[in-house]
Protein backbone atom coordinates (compact mmCIF):
# COMPACT_ATOMS: atom_id res chain seq x y z
CA MET A 1 293.27 85.79 226.83
CA ASP A 2 292.27 87.95 223.91
CA ILE A 3 288.89 87.85 222.23
CA LYS A 4 288.90 88.19 218.42
CA TYR A 5 285.82 89.44 216.59
CA VAL A 6 285.50 88.25 212.97
CA GLY A 7 283.33 90.00 210.40
CA SER A 8 281.82 92.49 212.82
CA GLY A 9 278.92 94.60 211.61
CA THR A 10 276.67 97.07 213.35
CA ARG A 11 274.68 94.44 215.25
CA TYR A 12 276.77 91.28 215.54
CA SER A 13 279.95 89.49 214.47
CA ARG A 14 280.04 86.54 212.05
CA ALA A 15 282.20 84.79 214.64
CA VAL A 16 283.97 85.36 217.93
CA ILE A 17 287.15 83.47 218.81
CA TYR A 18 288.09 82.90 222.43
CA ASN A 19 290.39 80.34 224.01
CA HIS A 20 290.98 78.56 220.65
CA VAL A 21 287.26 78.14 219.99
CA ALA A 22 285.33 79.87 217.18
CA TYR A 23 281.70 80.61 218.00
CA LEU A 24 279.84 81.31 214.75
CA ALA A 25 276.65 83.31 214.49
CA GLY A 26 273.57 81.56 213.21
CA ASN A 27 273.30 81.46 209.42
CA VAL A 28 270.34 81.53 207.08
CA ALA A 29 270.68 81.39 203.30
CA LYS A 30 271.60 84.81 201.90
CA GLU A 31 269.49 84.06 198.82
CA PRO A 32 266.90 81.54 200.06
CA GLY A 33 266.29 78.83 197.48
CA PRO A 34 262.92 77.13 197.15
CA THR A 35 263.84 74.02 199.18
CA ALA A 36 265.36 73.41 202.60
CA GLY A 37 268.01 71.19 200.99
CA GLU A 38 269.14 74.00 198.68
CA GLN A 39 269.19 76.45 201.56
CA ALA A 40 271.19 74.00 203.67
CA ARG A 41 273.85 73.71 200.95
CA MET A 42 274.11 77.51 200.73
CA ILE A 43 274.35 77.84 204.51
CA LEU A 44 277.07 75.19 204.72
CA SER A 45 279.06 77.08 202.09
CA GLN A 46 278.65 80.28 204.13
CA ILE A 47 279.83 78.41 207.22
CA ASP A 48 282.91 77.18 205.32
CA GLU A 49 283.75 80.80 204.45
CA THR A 50 283.43 81.96 208.04
CA LEU A 51 285.41 79.03 209.42
CA ALA A 52 288.22 79.89 206.96
CA LEU A 53 288.19 83.51 208.20
CA CYS A 54 288.64 82.08 211.70
CA GLY A 55 291.60 79.92 210.65
CA THR A 56 289.77 76.63 211.02
CA ASP A 57 287.52 74.28 209.03
CA LYS A 58 284.65 71.81 209.30
CA SER A 59 286.99 68.99 210.42
CA LYS A 60 287.25 70.79 213.77
CA LEU A 61 283.53 71.24 214.48
CA LEU A 62 282.53 70.80 218.10
CA THR A 63 278.79 71.36 218.05
CA ALA A 64 275.98 72.39 215.70
CA THR A 65 272.42 73.60 216.06
CA ILE A 66 270.06 73.26 213.11
CA VAL A 67 266.74 75.09 213.17
CA PHE A 68 263.94 73.89 210.91
CA THR A 69 260.70 75.72 210.18
CA ASP A 70 259.24 72.27 209.47
CA MET A 71 260.75 68.99 210.66
CA ARG A 72 259.45 67.37 207.46
CA ASP A 73 262.57 68.92 205.87
CA PHE A 74 264.82 66.89 208.17
CA ASP A 75 265.82 64.31 205.51
CA ALA A 76 266.55 66.93 202.82
CA VAL A 77 268.76 68.93 205.18
CA ASN A 78 270.47 65.75 206.41
CA GLU A 79 271.35 64.86 202.81
CA ALA A 80 273.22 68.17 202.44
CA TRP A 81 274.72 67.87 205.92
CA ASP A 82 275.92 64.27 205.40
CA ALA A 83 277.64 65.24 202.14
CA TRP A 84 279.36 68.19 203.86
CA VAL A 85 280.65 66.90 207.21
CA VAL A 86 283.99 65.15 207.54
CA PRO A 87 283.56 61.44 208.39
CA GLY A 88 285.10 60.66 211.76
CA HIS A 89 284.89 64.34 212.81
CA LEU A 90 281.19 64.65 213.56
CA PRO A 91 280.11 67.34 216.02
CA THR A 92 277.34 67.08 218.53
CA ARG A 93 274.11 68.29 216.94
CA THR A 94 270.77 69.65 218.10
CA PRO A 95 267.77 69.95 215.74
CA ILE A 96 265.06 72.46 216.68
CA GLU A 97 261.81 73.48 215.03
CA ALA A 98 260.98 77.20 215.14
CA LYS A 99 260.01 80.21 213.04
CA LEU A 100 262.86 81.92 211.23
CA LEU A 101 263.73 85.37 209.90
CA THR A 102 261.19 85.34 207.04
CA PRO A 103 258.71 82.79 205.68
CA ARG A 104 261.15 82.14 202.79
CA HIS A 105 263.84 80.92 205.21
CA LEU A 106 263.34 77.21 205.88
CA VAL A 107 266.50 76.31 207.82
CA ALA A 108 269.20 78.00 209.91
CA MET A 109 272.47 76.64 211.28
CA GLN A 110 274.95 77.65 213.98
CA VAL A 111 278.26 75.89 214.68
CA THR A 112 281.18 76.07 217.08
CA ALA A 113 284.65 74.86 216.09
CA ALA A 114 288.12 74.48 217.56
CA VAL A 115 290.76 76.81 216.15
């Protein structure tokens, strides 16, 4: 089986497709807004773009990991997430609290989807 690299740069690819599964790199907001909810909406839009490049969409999500710098942002991120996901096509999901790229980044997300 072939491996397809999508959006490759010097250090990583935006996604790798293997065996009809798209493995997306983790995403932080390109222009971090002041709130975790705003950042989550930006990240979800970025994920939509990458899924489209892979020939798939959010209705085919398999799993997601969401990293919070502060779990107190859980509800704000869930509001953006709940508005974005496709009802009846919910992936597994793991929330984690950890430091991120910069202090301005409040949330990061990584997903895997069927192609």
